[in-house]
Amino acid sequence: MKGRMIVLDHVAGREAAALLVDGKLQDLMIDDEGAPRPGAIFRAICDRPLKGQGGMMLRLPDGETAFLRQGKGLAPGQAILVQVTGYADDGKAIPVTDRVLFKSRYAIVTPGKLGINVSRSIKDDDVRNRVLACAHDEGVSEGFGLILRSSCEGGADADIIEDIAAMDAMASAIMADSDGVAEALTDGDGPHGLAWREWVEPATVVTDAGGFEHHGVLDQMTALSSARVGLEASAFMYVEPTRALIAVDVNTGGDTSPASSLKANIAASKALPRELRLRGLGGQVVIDMAPMSKAHRKQIESSLRSAFRADSIDTALVGWTPLGHYELQRKRERLPIPMEAL
């Protein structure tokens, strides 16, 4: 099927959402059981400072622990509002921030950061003025700021105003509830909520039960159980998570032409964001490129920048190692896809 399609369904009893473009799976989100979702807000209790790191260990409900990177000025026993920023590695504390944001499809309310800002992605002055007028008409509570997201460009004024009002009301209620014992104040958005919030381009939305099977999502998910990813011509790469990092190995296959390595490496650079996104992989990524001249590194870097610029998950392009590998650092916004879902 041509065009964009969003399929909302459940897989192995878990909420799931898939984004298809011309029938090809481009993004996939499957809910995790047990771990707090990124975006969840807690009232946490300061436990003990980590002097060597300048952070603070926090107590969450149900005996869970969290780590706040900047713990200056906090004292053990003090209550503080924090927001989950990602998933924790095995055996480590949940990463959180005290810079709580209230994010929806069109608006982000920013307590403590005043001012109204419009996404730089909106270039048209008339559109910027229109969405700013919506913000000024509705306004936010004292002490709050507001960011109008790029999705406002295609949003109706009434929807933008409604979104601002909803986020402002939520922020007001939660920021006023900072005292007390450790408690979960909001859950982060699940896959269906995230799909509505983040996949804002026009698309056909399918909510019927069995949508994943009917539209071929399950078949494409099955391919994710293999580390091997086919590329252009006969080239391929392996994407394999280890305990310490994600290892990517690029191979030319049966192509023996002089430009085979460069073509394989460029193809791998373009395909890598999608493969990491679909597999839910983050952290350190090390790419072992097909053998090539150092003179071609600029082309590979340009391909990587272009590919990851369009990706929704923050990824830092670190650079080349002495052994000729390329390193990335990718935010852990998702957990690896559970095997029972494949």
Protein backbone atom coordinates (compact mmCIF):
# COMPACT_ATOMS: atom_id res chain seq x y z
CA MET A 1 0.00 0.00 0.00
CA LYS A 2 1.29 3.44 -0.94
CA GLY A 3 1.49 6.27 1.58
CA ARG A 4 1.80 6.42 5.35
CA MET A 5 -0.11 4.12 7.66
CA ILE A 6 -0.19 3.95 11.47
CA VAL A 7 -1.31 0.61 12.88
CA LEU A 8 -2.32 0.42 16.56
CA ASP A 9 -2.61 -3.08 17.96
CA HIS A 10 -1.36 -5.42 20.71
CA VAL A 11 1.45 -7.99 20.45
CA ALA A 12 1.86 -10.75 23.03
CA GLY A 13 -0.55 -8.84 25.25
CA ARG A 14 1.47 -5.61 25.00
CA GLU A 15 0.32 -2.34 23.51
CA ALA A 16 2.09 -1.71 20.20
CA ALA A 17 2.20 0.82 17.37
CA ALA A 18 3.75 0.56 13.90
CA LEU A 19 4.46 3.17 11.24
CA LEU A 20 4.46 1.94 7.64
CA VAL A 21 5.58 3.98 4.62
CA ASP A 22 4.63 2.45 1.28
CA GLY A 23 4.14 -0.83 3.10
CA LYS A 24 7.63 -0.87 4.66
CA LEU A 25 7.98 -0.80 8.44
CA GLN A 26 9.69 2.46 9.46
CA ASP A 27 9.07 2.62 13.20
CA LEU A 28 7.84 0.25 15.86
CA MET A 29 6.99 0.72 19.52
CA ILE A 30 6.08 -2.09 21.92
CA ASP A 31 5.22 -1.39 25.54
CA ASP A 32 7.49 -2.74 28.26
CA GLU A 33 6.12 -4.53 31.28
CA GLY A 34 7.28 -3.18 34.61
CA ALA A 35 9.88 -0.52 33.79
CA PRO A 36 8.76 3.10 34.21
CA ARG A 37 8.23 4.70 30.83
CA PRO A 38 10.31 7.69 29.74
CA GLY A 39 8.28 10.80 30.49
CA ALA A 40 6.78 9.40 33.70
CA ILE A 41 6.83 11.89 36.59
CA PHE A 42 7.55 10.88 40.19
CA ARG A 43 7.71 12.53 43.54
CA ALA A 44 11.02 11.06 44.68
CA ILE A 45 12.88 11.19 47.98
CA CYS A 46 16.57 12.08 48.05
CA ASP A 47 18.53 9.18 49.47
CA ARG A 48 22.29 9.78 49.34
CA PRO A 49 24.64 11.95 47.30
CA LEU A 50 27.26 10.48 45.00
CA LYS A 51 30.06 12.90 45.72
CA GLY A 52 32.43 11.62 43.09
CA GLN A 53 29.81 12.07 40.37
CA GLY A 54 28.01 15.12 41.73
CA GLY A 55 24.68 13.32 41.55
CA MET A 56 22.01 12.10 43.96
CA MET A 57 20.45 8.69 44.43
CA LEU A 58 16.68 8.88 44.84
CA ARG A 59 14.02 6.57 46.25
CA LEU A 60 10.97 5.85 44.09
CA PRO A 61 7.83 3.91 44.99
CA ASP A 62 7.96 0.09 45.22
CA GLY A 63 11.61 0.11 46.27
CA GLU A 64 12.98 1.34 42.94
CA THR A 65 15.93 3.71 42.80
CA ALA A 66 16.74 6.58 40.44
CA PHE A 67 19.82 8.60 39.65
CA LEU A 68 19.75 12.39 39.29
CA ARG A 69 22.91 13.62 37.59
CA GLN A 70 22.87 17.11 39.14
CA GLY A 71 22.26 16.82 42.88
CA LYS A 72 23.68 20.14 44.06
CA GLY A 73 21.69 21.78 46.85
CA LEU A 74 19.66 18.68 47.67
CA ALA A 75 19.62 16.99 51.08
CA PRO A 76 18.79 13.40 52.06
CA GLY A 77 15.10 13.03 52.90
CA GLN A 78 14.05 15.95 50.70
CA ALA A 79 11.12 15.40 48.28
CA ILE A 80 11.67 16.38 44.65
CA LEU A 81 9.73 16.08 41.39
CA VAL A 82 11.63 14.19 38.69
CA GLN A 83 10.90 12.84 35.22
CA VAL A 84 12.22 9.60 33.72
CA THR A 85 14.53 10.30 30.76
CA GLY A 86 15.21 6.76 29.53
CA TYR A 87 15.58 3.13 30.45
CA ALA A 88 18.20 1.89 32.87
CA ASP A 89 20.88 -0.68 32.12
CA ASP A 90 20.51 -3.96 34.00
CA GLY A 91 21.27 -3.47 37.67
CA LYS A 92 21.47 0.32 37.45
CA ALA A 93 19.25 3.10 38.71
CA ILE A 94 16.59 4.70 36.52
CA PRO A 95 17.89 7.94 34.90
CA VAL A 96 15.81 11.00 35.78
CA THR A 97 15.91 14.78 35.51
CA ASP A 98 14.50 17.51 37.72
CA ARG A 99 13.69 19.61 34.62
CA VAL A 100 10.15 18.35 34.25
CA LEU A 101 8.39 18.92 30.91
CA PHE A 102 4.75 18.40 29.93
CA LYS A 103 4.74 17.35 26.30
CA SER A 104 1.82 16.77 23.96
CA ARG A 105 1.16 16.76 20.21
CA TYR A 106 1.32 20.52 19.73
CA ALA A 107 2.66 22.05 22.93
CA ILE A 108 5.32 21.59 25.60
CA VAL A 109 4.82 23.39 28.91
CA THR A 110 8.13 24.16 30.65
CA PRO A 111 7.87 24.97 34.38
CA GLY A 112 10.60 27.40 35.45
CA LYS A 113 11.57 28.32 31.89
CA LEU A 114 9.55 31.36 30.95
CA GLY A 115 8.69 32.64 27.50
CA ILE A 116 6.80 31.43 24.44
CA ASN A 117 8.89 29.84 21.69
CA VAL A 118 7.98 28.42 18.29
CA SER A 119 9.81 25.51 16.69
CA ARG A 120 12.46 26.67 14.23
CA SER A 121 11.13 24.08 11.80
CA ILE A 122 8.20 26.39 11.14
CA LYS A 123 9.64 28.82 8.59
CA ASP A 124 6.51 30.54 7.28
CA ASP A 125 5.98 33.87 9.08
CA ASP A 126 2.20 33.70 8.69
CA VAL A 127 2.09 30.27 10.31
CA ARG A 128 4.39 31.39 13.12
CA ASN A 129 2.17 34.39 13.81
CA ARG A 130 -0.93 32.19 13.76
CA VAL A 131 0.37 29.68 16.31
CA LEU A 132 1.78 32.49 18.47
CA ALA A 133 -1.67 34.05 18.49
CA CYS A 134 -3.09 30.75 19.72
CA ALA A 135 -0.53 30.71 22.53
CA HIS A 136 -1.24 34.27 23.57
CA ASP A 137 -4.99 33.71 23.44
CA GLU A 138 -4.79 30.73 25.78
CA GLY A 139 -1.66 31.58 27.81
CA VAL A 140 -0.04 29.47 30.52
CA SER A 141 0.10 29.76 34.29
CA GLU A 142 2.56 32.02 36.07
CA GLY A 143 6.05 30.57 36.25
CA PHE A 144 5.56 28.38 33.16
CA GLY A 145 6.95 28.70 29.66
CA LEU A 146 5.64 27.25 26.43
CA ILE A 147 7.16 25.65 23.32
CA LEU A 148 4.98 25.30 20.22
CA ARG A 149 6.06 22.19 18.32
CA SER A 150 6.56 21.86 14.57
CA SER A 151 3.31 19.88 14.38
CA CYS A 152 1.45 23.15 14.98
CA GLU A 153 2.07 23.98 11.32
CA GLY A 154 -0.62 21.54 10.23
CA GLY A 155 -2.82 21.81 13.33
CA ALA A 156 -6.13 23.60 13.65
CA ASP A 157 -6.20 26.62 15.97
CA ALA A 158 -8.82 25.01 18.21
CA ASP A 159 -6.73 21.86 18.60
CA ILE A 160 -3.60 23.84 19.46
CA ILE A 161 -5.43 25.93 22.05
CA GLU A 162 -7.02 22.82 23.57
CA ASP A 163 -3.61 21.14 23.77
CA ILE A 164 -2.02 24.15 25.49
CA ALA A 165 -4.86 24.29 28.03
CA ALA A 166 -4.61 20.57 28.81
CA MET A 167 -0.84 20.65 29.34
CA ASP A 168 -1.05 23.81 31.43
CA ALA A 169 -3.72 22.25 33.68
CA MET A 170 -1.66 19.07 34.12
CA ALA A 171 1.51 21.05 34.86
CA SER A 172 -0.28 23.22 37.42
CA ALA A 173 -1.71 20.22 39.25
CA ILE A 174 1.52 18.23 39.36
CA MET A 175 3.91 21.06 40.20
CA ALA A 176 1.69 21.93 43.16
CA ASP A 177 1.98 18.36 44.46
CA SER A 178 5.68 18.30 45.29
CA ASP A 179 5.47 17.44 49.01
CA GLY A 180 4.90 13.99 50.44
CA VAL A 181 6.16 10.44 50.20
CA ALA A 182 7.57 8.82 47.07
CA GLU A 183 4.75 8.48 44.56
CA ALA A 184 4.14 8.03 40.83
CA LEU A 185 2.28 11.13 39.62
CA THR A 186 1.96 10.34 35.91
CA ASP A 187 2.72 7.41 33.66
CA GLY A 188 4.71 8.09 30.53
CA ASP A 189 2.84 7.75 27.25
CA GLY A 190 2.47 4.22 25.90
CA PRO A 191 2.95 3.29 22.23
CA HIS A 192 -0.53 4.43 21.20
CA GLY A 193 -0.13 7.78 22.95
CA LEU A 194 3.36 8.26 21.51
CA ALA A 195 2.12 7.46 18.01
CA TRP A 196 -0.52 10.20 18.30
CA ARG A 197 2.00 12.61 19.78
CA GLU A 198 5.01 12.01 17.53
CA TRP A 199 3.80 10.60 14.20
CA VAL A 200 2.03 13.77 13.14
CA GLU A 201 2.34 13.67 9.35
CA PRO A 202 -0.90 12.75 7.51
CA ALA A 203 -1.47 9.00 7.62
CA THR A 204 -4.16 6.34 7.52
CA VAL A 205 -4.78 5.13 11.07
CA VAL A 206 -5.77 1.49 11.64
CA THR A 207 -7.10 0.53 15.06
CA ASP A 208 -8.80 -2.79 14.28
CA ALA A 209 -7.69 -5.82 16.27
CA GLY A 210 -5.35 -7.97 14.21
CA GLY A 211 -4.04 -4.97 12.25
CA PHE A 212 -0.41 -6.07 12.65
CA GLU A 213 -1.13 -9.41 10.98
CA HIS A 214 -3.42 -8.03 8.29
CA HIS A 215 -0.99 -5.32 7.16
CA GLY A 216 2.17 -7.43 7.26
CA VAL A 217 3.71 -5.89 10.38
CA LEU A 218 4.20 -9.26 12.07
CA ASP A 219 6.07 -10.66 9.06
CA GLN A 220 8.43 -7.67 9.02
CA MET A 221 8.91 -7.95 12.78
CA THR A 222 10.00 -11.57 12.38
CA ALA A 223 12.92 -10.39 10.23
CA LEU A 224 14.17 -8.36 13.21
CA SER A 225 15.03 -11.58 15.05
CA SER A 226 17.96 -11.99 12.66
CA ALA A 227 21.07 -9.85 13.10
CA ARG A 228 21.68 -9.90 9.33
CA VAL A 229 20.37 -6.92 7.33
CA GLY A 230 20.44 -6.99 3.55
CA LEU A 231 21.68 -3.84 1.80
CA GLU A 232 21.95 -2.71 -1.81
CA ALA A 233 23.32 -5.20 -4.36
CA SER A 234 24.89 -8.11 -2.45
CA ALA A 235 26.09 -6.07 0.54
CA PHE A 236 24.85 -6.76 4.06
CA MET A 237 25.52 -5.86 7.67
CA TYR A 238 25.08 -7.48 11.06
CA VAL A 239 23.55 -5.50 13.95
CA GLU A 240 24.31 -7.36 17.17
CA PRO A 241 23.80 -6.14 20.75
CA THR A 242 26.39 -7.22 23.32
CA ARG A 243 26.51 -6.48 27.03
CA ALA A 244 28.77 -3.45 26.52
CA LEU A 245 27.75 -2.05 23.13
CA ILE A 246 25.97 -2.53 19.82
CA ALA A 247 28.33 -4.03 17.22
CA VAL A 248 27.67 -3.32 13.53
CA ASP A 249 29.69 -5.23 10.91
CA VAL A 250 29.44 -4.10 7.26
CA ASN A 251 30.32 -6.50 4.43
CA THR A 252 30.43 -6.13 0.63
CA GLY A 253 29.19 -9.65 -0.07
CA GLY A 254 29.88 -10.91 -3.58
CA ASP A 255 30.54 -7.45 -5.05
CA THR A 256 34.22 -7.25 -6.04
CA SER A 257 34.10 -3.94 -7.93
CA PRO A 258 36.56 -1.18 -6.89
CA ALA A 259 33.79 0.89 -5.32
CA SER A 260 32.11 -2.01 -3.51
CA SER A 261 33.30 -1.02 -0.02
CA LEU A 262 32.25 2.61 -0.38
CA LYS A 263 28.83 1.63 -1.74
CA ALA A 264 28.30 -0.88 1.09
CA ASN A 265 29.34 1.60 3.77
CA ILE A 266 27.08 4.36 2.41
CA ALA A 267 24.17 1.92 2.18
CA ALA A 268 24.80 0.78 5.77
CA SER A 269 24.93 4.41 6.96
CA LYS A 270 21.52 5.10 5.41
CA ALA A 271 19.93 1.92 6.77
CA LEU A 272 21.37 2.00 10.29
CA PRO A 273 18.97 4.50 11.96
CA ARG A 274 15.96 2.43 10.90
CA GLU A 275 17.50 -0.84 12.06
CA LEU A 276 18.45 0.57 15.48
CA ARG A 277 15.03 2.21 15.84
CA LEU A 278 13.05 -0.93 14.98
CA ARG A 279 15.14 -3.09 17.29
CA GLY A 280 14.90 -0.60 20.18
CA LEU A 281 18.69 -0.45 20.53
CA GLY A 282 20.62 2.36 22.22
CA GLY A 283 23.82 3.12 24.10
CA GLN A 284 27.25 2.80 22.51
CA VAL A 285 27.30 1.74 18.85
CA VAL A 286 30.53 0.67 17.14
CA ILE A 287 30.54 0.26 13.34
CA ASP A 288 33.16 -1.88 11.65
CA MET A 289 33.00 -0.49 8.11
CA ALA A 290 33.96 -2.51 5.04
CA PRO A 291 37.65 -1.85 4.24
CA MET A 292 38.06 1.47 2.44
CA SER A 293 40.47 4.33 1.94
CA LYS A 294 40.65 7.07 4.58
CA ALA A 295 39.90 9.50 1.76
CA HIS A 296 36.31 8.19 1.72
CA ARG A 297 35.65 8.88 5.40
CA LYS A 298 34.17 12.34 4.71
CA GLN A 299 31.53 10.77 2.46
CA ILE A 300 30.62 8.23 5.15
CA GLU A 301 30.40 10.94 7.81
CA SER A 302 28.11 12.99 5.56
CA SER A 303 25.87 9.96 4.96
CA LEU A 304 25.66 9.24 8.69
CA ARG A 305 24.83 12.86 9.55
CA SER A 306 22.10 12.99 6.94
CA ALA A 307 20.60 9.66 8.04
CA PHE A 308 20.55 10.38 11.77
CA ARG A 309 19.36 13.97 11.31
CA ALA A 310 16.02 12.58 10.20
CA ASP A 311 15.86 10.11 13.10
CA SER A 312 13.63 10.87 16.09
CA ILE A 313 16.03 9.51 18.73
CA ASP A 314 18.99 11.64 19.87
CA THR A 315 22.24 10.19 18.54
CA ALA A 316 25.71 11.71 18.93
CA LEU A 317 28.14 10.97 16.09
CA VAL A 318 31.40 10.57 18.01
CA GLY A 319 33.92 9.78 15.28
CA TRP A 320 36.61 7.36 14.15
CA THR A 321 38.73 5.20 16.42
CA PRO A 322 42.43 4.41 15.84
CA LEU A 323 41.36 1.00 14.53
CA GLY A 324 39.12 2.59 11.90
CA HIS A 325 35.77 1.90 13.58
CA TYR A 326 33.09 4.59 13.77
CA GLU A 327 31.40 5.26 17.14
CA LEU A 328 27.94 6.56 18.00
CA GLN A 329 26.24 7.28 21.31
CA ARG A 330 22.46 6.77 21.15
CA LYS A 331 19.89 7.67 23.79
CA ARG A 332 18.13 4.70 25.40
CA GLU A 333 14.57 5.84 24.74
CA ARG A 334 13.36 2.30 24.14
CA LEU A 335 14.11 -1.20 25.30
CA PRO A 336 15.07 -3.99 22.88
CA ILE A 337 12.04 -5.70 21.38
CA PRO A 338 11.00 -8.60 23.65
CA MET A 339 11.64 -11.98 21.99
CA GLU A 340 8.10 -13.17 22.70
CA ALA A 341 6.85 -10.38 20.42
CA LEU A 342 8.84 -11.67 17.43
